[in-house]
Each structure stands twice: as structure tokens, then as C-alpha cells.
Amino acid sequence: MPSNLTIIIPTLTNTPGLLSELKTLKNFPLIVIDNAPTPGKRLACSRHSRCLYLPQKTNQGFARAINLAVPHVQTDWICILNDDIQFLAQLPFNQLISLAEQNNWSAISPLLTKQSGEIENLGYRVLPQGRVELVYSSQEPLDGLTAACLVIKTAVFRALDGFDGRFFAYLEDVDLFLRFKKAGYQFGVANNIRVIHNHMTTSGKMNNFKAKMDFKNWLFVIIKNWSIRELFLNFPAIFVERLRNLSGLAKATWKSYGARTLYIFPRDLLWVSYKLITFPFLHS
């Protein structure tokens, strides 16, 4: 068991996933940030001798939840862990940290797979129009790692001021790794270490939530990380890609709400507009 690692688990409604991880990780220091506290989750965490349970009065989202946990960390490394990750026979943390230290990486991820064993991705490239292209081959370059099971140096995460809480959920890892690379840090994937990612266990039940976050947060990513020159050169492609996001939001809204889309879709667009206008003034 690595003594220099703290595992941070943000959770909302996936109680079975959280309980499974509490059992599997019984010997590790944990911080559970509960965005929808229940007596059952509180009790389960209290039975874990090394678990700090942080219930939230309101849903803080993924990004801000992680940031709230980090001040309590006293170890050299953090593992940011979704509550929908399943570990195989052996827990990978010693190997991950050892491999990262050997390669001078400040962040590392195991290989994420689906239940079928199919590779979910190794990471992603960020394209100029504001879209990620998932990478499946270790021969291809990466711009970032998925934060589903991300081991990162505590000092580096703090130096980067953590996630930007304005993202709430989705694409906060893209923003983090754009800043991570710009600061000169290196990262990698442990291709021989696999974990199962039961993708969208929570957001898959939240109607058009992911489509709405994607539309808003790609605008945030671009505003924060693209230079004026990049915006000018890529504006037509950026515009078309945002129309695709908008179309995806309309389709997801119709699928979730049917005829109610006629007032829910305009309401969501007004909400996104408000977030964009207030974005520079909100605390990250």
C-alpha cells in the first residue's frame, strides 16, 4: 500500500459504486466528497477507518468537489477516482506511482477499458476547432488524460490551482491538461495496467445534462486557452463545431423532454448565455 497517496472520490447518486470502492480500498486514505449526502453513505464512510467524509449542502459538481478535498491532502500524490471505476485483481497504485517517478511524469493514468474489455481510450488530442479526438494507440501523441482514475502529484495540482470550478462537470480535465502542458509538466499512460470504467453511470440518468455541459464548457475551454491568433485562424471550424454541440443539445433535450423541449431548450440557451457573460467574474 503506497503511504504517499490519497484517493479522492466525488460522488452523487452512484451509491453502489461508492460502496464497492470503499470495500476495495479499505486500507487506503480516502476523501469522499458527497454532493448528495445520505445517511447510508455517511455510515459506510464512517466504517472506513481512513476515510474523511465531506458532505455538501448543494451539488458542487465534479471540478469544485475535487478542489474542496485537496486542502485535506497530506501526501505527495493524489488519485482522482470516479465512483464508477472497477479494479481488477491487483490494485495498481504502487505500480502507477513507480512508473510515473521512473519517467519523470507528474500525472499518470491506467488504461481505461469497458466491461467487455474493449479499450475506452488512452487519452485524447485537443483539436483546433474545440473537440477531443480519443486516442487508442500508444504510438500517437496525447494532449491529456481522462480524470476517471488519474494519479497526479499533489504539488503540481496545487500549483495549477486545481480544476476550474466554473466548469462544474465535464471538460475540466481538458482545461487542466492544457494548462498542465503549457506549464511544462509531463504525463503518461500505464498501458499494461487496466481498470474498468462504467462510463456515465450518473450522468446517463440526468436527461440532457451532459449535452448542456459540453456546449457550455467547450466555450469556456476556448475562451480560456485559445490565443487570439488561434481564434482567428480557426474561427470557421470553431463555429461549425459549436453548431454541432448545439444540435446535440437540441437532440438530447428532445429525447429527454419531448414536446417540453419548446420551452426547456430556450431556457437552457439563456442559462448558457448567462454563464458566458458572467464567466470572467466568477471564482474559478
Protein backbone atom coordinates (compact mmCIF):
# COMPACT_ATOMS: atom_id res chain seq x y z
CA MET A 1 0.00 0.00 0.00
CA PRO A 2 1.54 3.37 -1.00
CA SER A 3 1.75 5.64 2.04
CA ASN A 4 2.20 8.72 -0.13
CA LEU A 5 -1.17 8.54 -1.93
CA THR A 6 -4.60 9.90 -1.01
CA ILE A 7 -7.63 8.83 -3.05
CA ILE A 8 -10.33 11.44 -3.68
CA ILE A 9 -13.78 10.18 -4.67
CA PRO A 10 -16.51 12.64 -5.65
CA THR A 11 -19.95 11.07 -5.58
CA LEU A 12 -23.56 11.99 -6.31
CA THR A 13 -26.08 9.20 -6.90
CA ASN A 14 -23.97 6.12 -7.68
CA THR A 15 -24.17 4.66 -4.17
CA PRO A 16 -23.44 1.03 -5.23
CA GLY A 17 -20.25 2.17 -6.98
CA LEU A 18 -19.11 4.14 -3.96
CA LEU A 19 -19.80 1.26 -1.56
CA SER A 20 -17.85 -1.11 -3.79
CA GLU A 21 -14.86 1.23 -3.85
CA LEU A 22 -14.98 1.73 -0.06
CA LYS A 23 -14.72 -2.02 0.36
CA THR A 24 -11.94 -2.44 -2.22
CA LEU A 25 -9.91 0.49 -0.91
CA LYS A 26 -10.30 -0.31 2.80
CA ASN A 27 -6.58 0.19 3.55
CA PHE A 28 -6.14 3.50 1.75
CA PRO A 29 -6.59 7.06 2.97
CA LEU A 30 -9.74 8.33 1.24
CA ILE A 31 -11.58 11.61 0.95
CA VAL A 32 -15.20 11.24 -0.17
CA ILE A 33 -16.95 14.42 -1.31
CA ASP A 34 -20.66 13.69 -1.31
CA ASN A 35 -22.70 16.05 -3.48
CA ALA A 36 -25.95 14.36 -2.43
CA PRO A 37 -25.45 13.15 1.17
CA THR A 38 -27.47 10.28 2.58
CA PRO A 39 -27.31 8.55 5.98
CA GLY A 40 -26.32 5.31 4.24
CA LYS A 41 -23.27 6.83 2.54
CA ARG A 42 -22.29 8.66 5.72
CA LEU A 43 -22.47 5.40 7.70
CA ALA A 44 -20.46 3.46 5.12
CA CYS A 45 -17.71 6.08 5.16
CA SER A 46 -17.66 6.16 8.96
CA ARG A 47 -16.89 2.44 8.96
CA HIS A 48 -13.78 3.05 6.84
CA SER A 49 -11.03 3.80 9.35
CA ARG A 50 -9.12 6.11 6.98
CA CYS A 51 -11.96 7.91 5.22
CA LEU A 52 -12.70 11.63 5.55
CA TYR A 53 -16.33 12.23 4.59
CA LEU A 54 -17.20 15.71 3.29
CA PRO A 55 -20.96 16.08 2.74
CA GLN A 56 -22.05 19.11 0.70
CA LYS A 57 -25.24 21.09 1.22
CA THR A 58 -25.58 21.59 -2.55
CA ASN A 59 -24.18 19.80 -5.57
CA GLN A 60 -20.72 21.31 -6.12
CA GLY A 61 -20.08 19.43 -9.35
CA PHE A 62 -17.03 17.32 -10.12
CA ALA A 63 -14.41 20.05 -10.50
CA ARG A 64 -15.14 22.04 -7.35
CA ALA A 65 -15.65 18.86 -5.31
CA ILE A 66 -12.09 17.74 -6.04
CA ASN A 67 -10.76 21.19 -5.20
CA LEU A 68 -12.57 21.12 -1.86
CA ALA A 69 -10.83 17.86 -0.94
CA VAL A 70 -7.27 18.82 -1.88
CA PRO A 71 -6.57 21.10 1.15
CA HIS A 72 -7.03 18.00 3.34
CA VAL A 73 -4.37 16.00 1.42
CA GLN A 74 -1.04 15.45 3.17
CA THR A 75 0.53 13.01 0.70
CA ASP A 76 2.77 13.52 -2.35
CA TRP A 77 0.26 12.02 -4.77
CA ILE A 78 -3.49 12.22 -5.31
CA CYS A 79 -5.69 9.75 -7.12
CA ILE A 80 -8.81 11.41 -8.52
CA LEU A 81 -11.21 8.49 -8.76
CA ASN A 82 -14.69 8.28 -10.26
CA ASP A 83 -17.17 6.18 -8.29
CA ASP A 84 -17.74 4.07 -11.42
CA ILE A 85 -14.27 2.51 -11.60
CA GLN A 86 -13.78 -1.23 -11.08
CA PHE A 87 -10.37 -2.61 -10.23
CA LEU A 88 -9.15 -5.96 -11.44
CA ALA A 89 -7.25 -8.50 -9.33
CA GLN A 90 -4.48 -6.19 -8.07
CA LEU A 91 -4.76 -2.55 -7.05
CA PRO A 92 -2.49 -0.53 -9.36
CA PHE A 93 -1.34 2.43 -7.28
CA ASN A 94 2.18 1.30 -6.35
CA GLN A 95 2.91 0.45 -9.97
CA LEU A 96 1.44 3.71 -11.26
CA ILE A 97 3.49 5.87 -8.92
CA SER A 98 6.65 3.88 -9.57
CA LEU A 99 6.21 4.19 -13.35
CA ALA A 100 5.50 7.92 -13.08
CA GLU A 101 8.62 8.51 -10.99
CA GLN A 102 10.77 6.48 -13.38
CA ASN A 103 9.63 8.58 -16.33
CA ASN A 104 9.54 11.95 -14.55
CA TRP A 105 5.79 12.19 -15.12
CA SER A 106 3.70 14.40 -12.90
CA ALA A 107 0.48 12.57 -13.81
CA ILE A 108 -0.39 9.05 -14.92
CA SER A 109 -3.48 7.03 -15.72
CA PRO A 110 -4.07 3.31 -16.11
CA LEU A 111 -5.62 2.06 -19.33
CA LEU A 112 -9.39 2.56 -19.17
CA THR A 113 -11.49 -0.28 -20.56
CA LYS A 114 -15.17 -1.08 -20.90
CA GLN A 115 -16.83 -4.07 -19.22
CA SER A 116 -16.29 -6.01 -22.45
CA GLY A 117 -12.53 -5.47 -22.20
CA GLU A 118 -12.52 -3.07 -25.15
CA ILE A 119 -10.21 -0.09 -24.66
CA GLU A 120 -12.17 3.07 -23.85
CA ASN A 121 -9.19 5.33 -24.57
CA LEU A 122 -5.58 6.08 -23.62
CA GLY A 123 -6.25 9.80 -23.56
CA TYR A 124 -7.08 12.40 -26.17
CA ARG A 125 -5.86 15.09 -28.52
CA VAL A 126 -7.46 18.54 -28.47
CA LEU A 127 -8.28 19.72 -31.99
CA PRO A 128 -8.14 23.39 -33.07
CA GLN A 129 -11.92 23.62 -33.60
CA GLY A 130 -12.54 22.72 -29.96
CA ARG A 131 -13.14 18.98 -29.91
CA VAL A 132 -11.34 16.00 -28.45
CA GLU A 133 -10.18 13.09 -30.55
CA LEU A 134 -9.80 9.96 -28.45
CA VAL A 135 -6.51 8.10 -28.78
CA TYR A 136 -6.35 4.30 -28.79
CA SER A 137 -2.70 3.69 -29.75
CA SER A 138 0.37 4.25 -27.59
CA GLN A 139 2.18 5.44 -30.73
CA GLU A 140 0.03 8.57 -31.01
CA PRO A 141 0.71 11.81 -29.12
CA LEU A 142 -1.59 12.92 -26.31
CA ASP A 143 -2.77 16.31 -25.10
CA GLY A 144 -4.40 15.00 -21.95
CA LEU A 145 -5.73 12.17 -19.82
CA THR A 146 -9.24 11.38 -18.66
CA ALA A 147 -9.73 12.16 -14.97
CA ALA A 148 -11.65 8.95 -14.20
CA CYS A 149 -8.66 7.34 -12.46
CA LEU A 150 -5.97 10.00 -12.54
CA VAL A 151 -2.89 9.87 -10.32
CA ILE A 152 -1.25 13.30 -10.12
CA LYS A 153 1.37 14.95 -7.94
CA THR A 154 -0.29 16.97 -5.20
CA ALA A 155 2.18 19.84 -5.57
CA VAL A 156 1.53 20.09 -9.31
CA PHE A 157 -2.25 20.04 -8.89
CA ARG A 158 -1.95 22.83 -6.33
CA ALA A 159 0.49 24.82 -8.48
CA LEU A 160 -2.10 24.77 -11.28
CA ASP A 161 -4.84 25.87 -8.83
CA GLY A 162 -6.60 22.56 -9.44
CA PHE A 163 -9.64 22.26 -11.64
CA ASP A 164 -11.55 25.33 -12.72
CA GLY A 165 -14.75 25.06 -10.68
CA ARG A 166 -16.67 27.12 -13.24
CA PHE A 167 -16.82 24.03 -15.46
CA PHE A 168 -18.91 22.21 -12.83
CA ALA A 169 -18.68 18.89 -14.70
CA TYR A 170 -17.15 17.69 -17.99
CA LEU A 171 -14.10 19.06 -19.83
CA GLU A 172 -12.49 20.29 -16.61
CA ASP A 173 -9.80 17.68 -17.29
CA VAL A 174 -9.24 19.07 -20.81
CA ASP A 175 -8.74 22.55 -19.37
CA LEU A 176 -6.44 21.20 -16.63
CA PHE A 177 -4.20 19.35 -19.07
CA LEU A 178 -3.95 22.28 -21.48
CA ARG A 179 -2.62 24.30 -18.55
CA PHE A 180 -0.55 21.31 -17.36
CA LYS A 181 1.27 21.01 -20.70
CA LYS A 182 1.71 24.77 -21.05
CA ALA A 183 3.46 24.78 -17.66
CA GLY A 184 5.92 22.15 -18.95
CA TYR A 185 4.80 19.12 -16.95
CA GLN A 186 4.82 15.64 -18.45
CA PHE A 187 2.35 12.76 -18.15
CA GLY A 188 1.82 9.26 -19.45
CA VAL A 189 -0.35 6.15 -19.54
CA ALA A 190 0.42 2.78 -17.98
CA ASN A 191 -0.57 0.62 -20.94
CA ASN A 192 -0.11 -2.64 -19.02
CA ILE A 193 -2.39 -1.64 -16.11
CA ARG A 194 -6.12 -1.83 -16.78
CA VAL A 195 -9.19 -0.70 -14.88
CA ILE A 196 -12.85 -0.89 -15.92
CA HIS A 197 -14.72 2.37 -16.39
CA ASN A 198 -18.50 2.02 -16.18
CA HIS A 199 -18.90 5.23 -18.17
CA MET A 200 -21.76 7.73 -17.49
CA THR A 201 -23.19 5.77 -14.55
CA THR A 202 -24.51 9.03 -13.09
CA SER A 203 -24.88 11.50 -15.98
CA GLY A 204 -26.56 8.88 -18.17
CA LYS A 205 -29.60 9.32 -15.89
CA MET A 206 -29.59 13.13 -15.99
CA ASN A 207 -31.54 13.91 -19.18
CA ASN A 208 -29.73 16.48 -21.36
CA PHE A 209 -27.22 17.43 -18.65
CA LYS A 210 -24.06 16.20 -20.41
CA ALA A 211 -25.02 17.80 -23.75
CA LYS A 212 -25.67 21.12 -21.98
CA MET A 213 -22.36 20.95 -20.11
CA ASP A 214 -20.47 20.06 -23.29
CA PHE A 215 -21.94 23.04 -25.15
CA LYS A 216 -21.14 25.48 -22.32
CA ASN A 217 -17.77 24.07 -21.36
CA TRP A 218 -16.28 23.96 -24.83
CA LEU A 219 -16.93 27.69 -24.98
CA PHE A 220 -15.17 28.02 -21.61
CA VAL A 221 -12.19 25.92 -22.79
CA ILE A 222 -11.76 28.03 -25.91
CA ILE A 223 -12.14 31.37 -24.12
CA LYS A 224 -9.51 30.36 -21.55
CA ASN A 225 -6.95 28.54 -23.68
CA TRP A 226 -7.03 29.69 -27.31
CA SER A 227 -4.87 32.66 -28.30
CA ILE A 228 -6.35 35.48 -30.40
CA ARG A 229 -4.38 34.14 -33.36
CA GLU A 230 -5.76 30.62 -32.85
CA LEU A 231 -9.28 32.02 -32.62
CA PHE A 232 -8.83 34.00 -35.83
CA LEU A 233 -7.30 31.13 -37.83
CA ASN A 234 -9.78 28.52 -36.65
CA PHE A 235 -12.96 30.58 -36.26
CA PRO A 236 -14.94 28.93 -39.12
CA ALA A 237 -14.16 25.43 -37.78
CA ILE A 238 -14.87 26.54 -34.20
CA PHE A 239 -18.23 27.99 -35.28
CA VAL A 240 -19.25 24.80 -37.11
CA GLU A 241 -18.23 22.64 -34.15
CA ARG A 242 -20.30 24.76 -31.77
CA LEU A 243 -23.28 24.30 -34.10
CA ARG A 244 -22.73 20.55 -33.76
CA ASN A 245 -22.75 20.93 -29.96
CA LEU A 246 -25.93 22.97 -30.22
CA SER A 247 -27.54 20.32 -32.42
CA GLY A 248 -26.51 17.64 -29.92
CA LEU A 249 -28.11 19.62 -27.11
CA ALA A 250 -31.35 20.02 -29.09
CA LYS A 251 -31.50 16.28 -29.83
CA ALA A 252 -30.72 15.31 -26.22
CA THR A 253 -33.36 17.75 -24.96
CA TRP A 254 -35.99 16.36 -27.33
CA LYS A 255 -35.10 12.78 -26.36
CA SER A 256 -35.39 13.65 -22.66
CA TYR A 257 -38.36 16.01 -22.65
CA GLY A 258 -40.32 15.59 -25.89
CA ALA A 259 -42.73 18.48 -26.52
CA ARG A 260 -41.48 20.30 -23.41
CA THR A 261 -38.32 20.99 -25.44
CA LEU A 262 -40.18 24.04 -26.83
CA TYR A 263 -39.59 25.89 -23.55
CA ILE A 264 -36.74 23.88 -21.97
CA PHE A 265 -34.34 24.35 -24.91
CA PRO A 266 -34.66 28.19 -24.99
CA ARG A 267 -34.36 28.23 -21.19
CA ASP A 268 -31.11 26.22 -21.38
CA LEU A 269 -29.73 28.57 -24.04
CA LEU A 270 -30.46 31.54 -21.80
CA TRP A 271 -28.69 29.73 -18.95
CA VAL A 272 -25.61 29.11 -21.13
CA SER A 273 -25.62 32.77 -22.24
CA TYR A 274 -25.76 33.90 -18.62
CA LYS A 275 -22.83 31.62 -17.70
CA LEU A 276 -20.77 33.01 -20.60
CA ILE A 277 -21.48 36.62 -19.65
CA THR A 278 -20.60 36.05 -16.01
CA PHE A 279 -17.69 33.65 -16.69
CA PRO A 280 -14.89 36.26 -16.26
CA PHE A 281 -16.37 37.41 -12.94
CA LEU A 282 -16.95 34.02 -11.33
CA HIS A 283 -14.40 32.50 -8.96
CA SER A 284 -12.70 29.51 -10.55
